Amino acid sequence: MSTGTSSCPHASHEADMPAWRSRIPILWTDKMNIKKQEGRSGELDLSFGNSGLVTSLFPANGSSAALGTALQPDGKILITGDISEGKFCLVRLNSDGTPDPSFNNGSPITGEFKTDCPATASTVHVMDDGRIILLGTSSDSTGTYPALARYDKHGTADISFGKEGKTVVGLPKGGTKR
């Protein structure tokens, strides 16, 4: 990754999964392969994407990585990560693995949390009202900081949140006196 942050594998494992969760789809990422598995059998859901796999979701001239997923109540799938240009990426798929045209016109959202500062996004969360929170980091010459972005259910930046829908959390410098 161009951001200088380390990548870690994100996977959902079904070993020792409680019985009540046996029908919940399991999603995991393996670099740019998104896989969907139903139940406990360990077999891919062949109706998803191309024989159970979706690849090349993010635009990139170099490397890119899918780092986080979220399953919406309607079965749509959000995938976030980063691309080699030092930007985060967010895309939504229909339950069959095709791009969702109702989300950013079916195109990935790419960007930075702060202008000209490398970004990565590792977690995506769907709020109860359908808005989407993207969690990641933004780096500049002083360090790497937690960052967030919020979008509506169609992929439009929520401009009521932070600056133009994004915020970088400044961390205190040094200790505090008590």
Protein backbone atom coordinates (compact mmCIF):
# COMPACT_ATOMS: atom_id res chain seq x y z
CA MET A 1 0.00 0.00 0.00
CA SER A 2 1.24 3.46 -0.76
CA THR A 3 0.08 4.92 2.54
CA GLY A 4 2.83 3.26 4.52
CA THR A 5 0.34 1.54 6.80
CA SER A 6 0.50 -2.18 7.18
CA SER A 7 -2.14 -4.45 5.75
CA CYS A 8 -3.65 -7.28 7.73
CA PRO A 9 -5.85 -10.07 6.48
CA HIS A 10 -9.53 -9.63 7.24
CA ALA A 11 -11.46 -12.83 7.29
CA SER A 12 -14.58 -14.18 8.87
CA HIS A 13 -14.16 -17.74 10.04
CA GLU A 14 -17.06 -20.04 10.73
CA ALA A 15 -15.31 -22.45 13.10
CA ASP A 16 -17.24 -22.73 16.34
CA MET A 17 -19.96 -20.47 14.96
CA PRO A 18 -23.13 -20.56 17.08
CA ALA A 19 -25.99 -22.49 15.49
CA TRP A 20 -28.21 -19.38 15.31
CA ARG A 21 -25.66 -17.80 12.95
CA SER A 22 -25.44 -20.74 10.57
CA ARG A 23 -27.63 -19.07 7.94
CA ILE A 24 -25.88 -15.69 7.98
CA PRO A 25 -23.70 -15.15 4.89
CA ILE A 26 -20.01 -15.00 5.62
CA LEU A 27 -17.96 -12.51 3.63
CA TRP A 28 -14.23 -12.33 3.52
CA THR A 29 -11.59 -10.58 1.53
CA ASP A 30 -8.39 -11.95 0.09
CA LYS A 31 -6.70 -8.88 -1.36
CA MET A 32 -9.09 -8.07 -4.21
CA ASN A 33 -11.20 -11.22 -4.18
CA ILE A 34 -14.53 -10.90 -2.41
CA LYS A 35 -16.08 -14.24 -1.56
CA LYS A 36 -19.52 -15.13 -0.25
CA GLN A 37 -20.29 -18.28 1.63
CA GLU A 38 -23.67 -19.43 2.92
CA GLY A 39 -24.09 -21.61 5.99
CA ARG A 40 -21.50 -23.94 7.48
CA SER A 41 -20.63 -26.17 4.54
CA GLY A 42 -17.56 -24.18 3.52
CA GLU A 43 -18.64 -24.03 -0.10
CA LEU A 44 -18.76 -20.80 -2.06
CA ASP A 45 -22.13 -19.38 -3.07
CA LEU A 46 -21.81 -19.93 -6.84
CA SER A 47 -24.65 -17.48 -7.54
CA PHE A 48 -22.44 -14.65 -6.23
CA GLY A 49 -20.24 -12.85 -8.77
CA ASN A 50 -18.31 -15.22 -11.03
CA SER A 51 -18.55 -18.68 -9.45
CA GLY A 52 -18.57 -17.23 -5.93
CA LEU A 53 -15.89 -14.55 -6.45
CA VAL A 54 -15.84 -10.85 -7.32
CA THR A 55 -12.52 -9.34 -8.35
CA SER A 56 -11.22 -5.96 -9.49
CA LEU A 57 -13.74 -3.78 -7.66
CA PHE A 58 -11.48 -0.80 -7.12
CA PRO A 59 -9.94 1.46 -9.77
CA ALA A 60 -6.16 1.35 -9.56
CA ASN A 61 -3.07 1.77 -11.67
CA GLY A 62 -1.16 -0.35 -9.19
CA SER A 63 -2.05 -2.29 -6.10
CA SER A 64 -5.27 -2.08 -4.15
CA ALA A 65 -6.71 -3.94 -1.21
CA ALA A 66 -10.18 -4.66 0.11
CA LEU A 67 -9.91 -4.34 3.88
CA GLY A 68 -13.41 -4.30 5.29
CA THR A 69 -16.93 -5.45 4.52
CA ALA A 70 -20.41 -4.83 5.89
CA LEU A 71 -23.61 -6.66 5.08
CA GLN A 72 -26.67 -4.41 4.97
CA PRO A 73 -30.09 -5.64 6.15
CA ASP A 74 -31.28 -5.73 2.52
CA GLY A 75 -28.45 -8.11 1.56
CA LYS A 76 -26.31 -5.50 -0.21
CA ILE A 77 -22.60 -5.61 0.54
CA LEU A 78 -20.29 -2.66 1.27
CA ILE A 79 -16.56 -3.13 0.66
CA THR A 80 -13.88 -0.66 1.65
CA GLY A 81 -10.13 -0.47 1.34
CA ASP A 82 -7.43 1.51 -0.39
CA ILE A 83 -5.92 2.02 -3.81
CA SER A 84 -2.33 2.69 -4.84
CA GLU A 85 -2.92 6.40 -5.35
CA GLY A 86 -3.10 6.82 -1.55
CA LYS A 87 -6.88 7.05 -1.49
CA PHE A 88 -9.62 5.11 0.21
CA CYS A 89 -12.25 3.29 -1.79
CA LEU A 90 -15.84 2.30 -1.05
CA VAL A 91 -18.12 0.23 -3.27
CA ARG A 92 -21.52 -1.44 -2.79
CA LEU A 93 -22.56 -4.69 -4.42
CA ASN A 94 -25.97 -6.26 -4.82
CA SER A 95 -26.40 -9.61 -3.07
CA ASP A 96 -25.43 -11.37 -6.32
CA GLY A 97 -22.05 -9.57 -6.49
CA THR A 98 -22.90 -7.05 -9.22
CA PRO A 99 -22.23 -3.33 -8.64
CA ASP A 100 -25.26 -1.57 -7.14
CA PRO A 101 -26.32 1.19 -9.58
CA SER A 102 -28.26 3.00 -6.80
CA PHE A 103 -24.97 3.63 -4.95
CA ASN A 104 -22.79 6.33 -6.54
CA ASN A 105 -24.20 5.30 -9.95
CA GLY A 106 -22.61 1.85 -9.57
CA SER A 107 -19.10 3.30 -9.37
CA PRO A 108 -16.59 3.10 -6.52
CA ILE A 109 -16.19 6.15 -4.29
CA THR A 110 -12.52 7.13 -3.96
CA GLY A 111 -11.00 9.93 -1.96
CA GLU A 112 -8.97 11.26 0.90
CA PHE A 113 -10.14 12.26 4.35
CA LYS A 114 -7.95 15.38 4.11
CA THR A 115 -6.76 16.96 0.85
CA ASP A 116 -3.35 15.71 -0.35
CA CYS A 117 -2.95 13.31 2.60
CA PRO A 118 -2.73 9.57 1.93
CA ALA A 119 -5.76 7.67 3.21
CA THR A 120 -6.86 4.14 3.83
CA ALA A 121 -10.23 2.81 5.01
CA SER A 122 -10.38 -0.44 6.92
CA THR A 123 -13.87 -0.54 8.39
CA VAL A 124 -17.34 0.26 7.13
CA HIS A 125 -20.50 0.36 9.26
CA VAL A 126 -24.15 0.78 8.33
CA MET A 127 -26.10 2.90 10.79
CA ASP A 128 -29.70 2.08 11.73
CA ASP A 129 -30.97 4.90 9.48
CA GLY A 130 -29.04 3.55 6.45
CA ARG A 131 -26.20 6.09 6.53
CA ILE A 132 -22.74 4.65 6.08
CA ILE A 133 -19.71 5.38 8.26
CA LEU A 134 -16.26 4.76 6.82
CA LEU A 135 -13.38 4.44 9.31
CA GLY A 136 -9.74 4.65 8.40
CA THR A 137 -6.60 6.72 8.67
CA SER A 138 -5.15 9.86 7.15
CA SER A 139 -1.40 10.51 7.11
CA ASP A 140 0.61 13.69 6.84
CA SER A 141 4.12 14.81 7.81
CA THR A 142 3.17 14.88 11.51
CA GLY A 143 1.74 11.37 11.71
CA THR A 144 -1.15 9.04 10.98
CA TYR A 145 -4.53 9.91 12.45
CA PRO A 146 -7.94 8.25 12.78
CA ALA A 147 -10.37 9.48 10.14
CA LEU A 148 -14.05 9.09 9.33
CA ALA A 149 -16.42 9.80 6.47
CA ARG A 150 -20.19 9.54 6.37
CA TYR A 151 -22.37 8.88 3.32
CA ASP A 152 -26.09 8.57 2.76
CA LYS A 153 -27.56 5.30 1.52
CA HIS A 154 -26.92 6.32 -2.09
CA GLY A 155 -23.22 7.10 -1.62
CA THR A 156 -23.51 10.89 -1.42
CA ALA A 157 -21.25 12.55 1.17
CA ASP A 158 -23.21 13.68 4.24
CA ILE A 159 -22.13 17.32 4.35
CA SER A 160 -23.66 17.76 7.81
CA PHE A 161 -20.81 15.58 9.12
CA GLY A 162 -17.34 17.09 9.59
CA LYS A 163 -16.02 19.06 6.62
CA GLU A 164 -17.82 17.99 3.45
CA GLY A 165 -18.70 14.65 5.06
CA LYS A 166 -15.21 13.80 6.36
CA THR A 167 -13.18 14.42 9.49
CA VAL A 168 -9.69 13.63 10.72
CA VAL A 169 -9.39 13.19 14.47
CA GLY A 170 -6.51 15.21 15.88
CA LEU A 171 -4.75 13.48 18.72
CA PRO A 172 -3.35 15.42 21.68
CA LYS A 173 0.36 16.18 21.50
CA GLY A 174 2.32 15.10 24.58
CA GLY A 175 0.83 14.45 27.98
CA THR A 176 -1.63 16.44 30.00
CA LYS A 177 -0.95 17.99 33.40
CA ARG A 178 -3.26 17.08 36.25
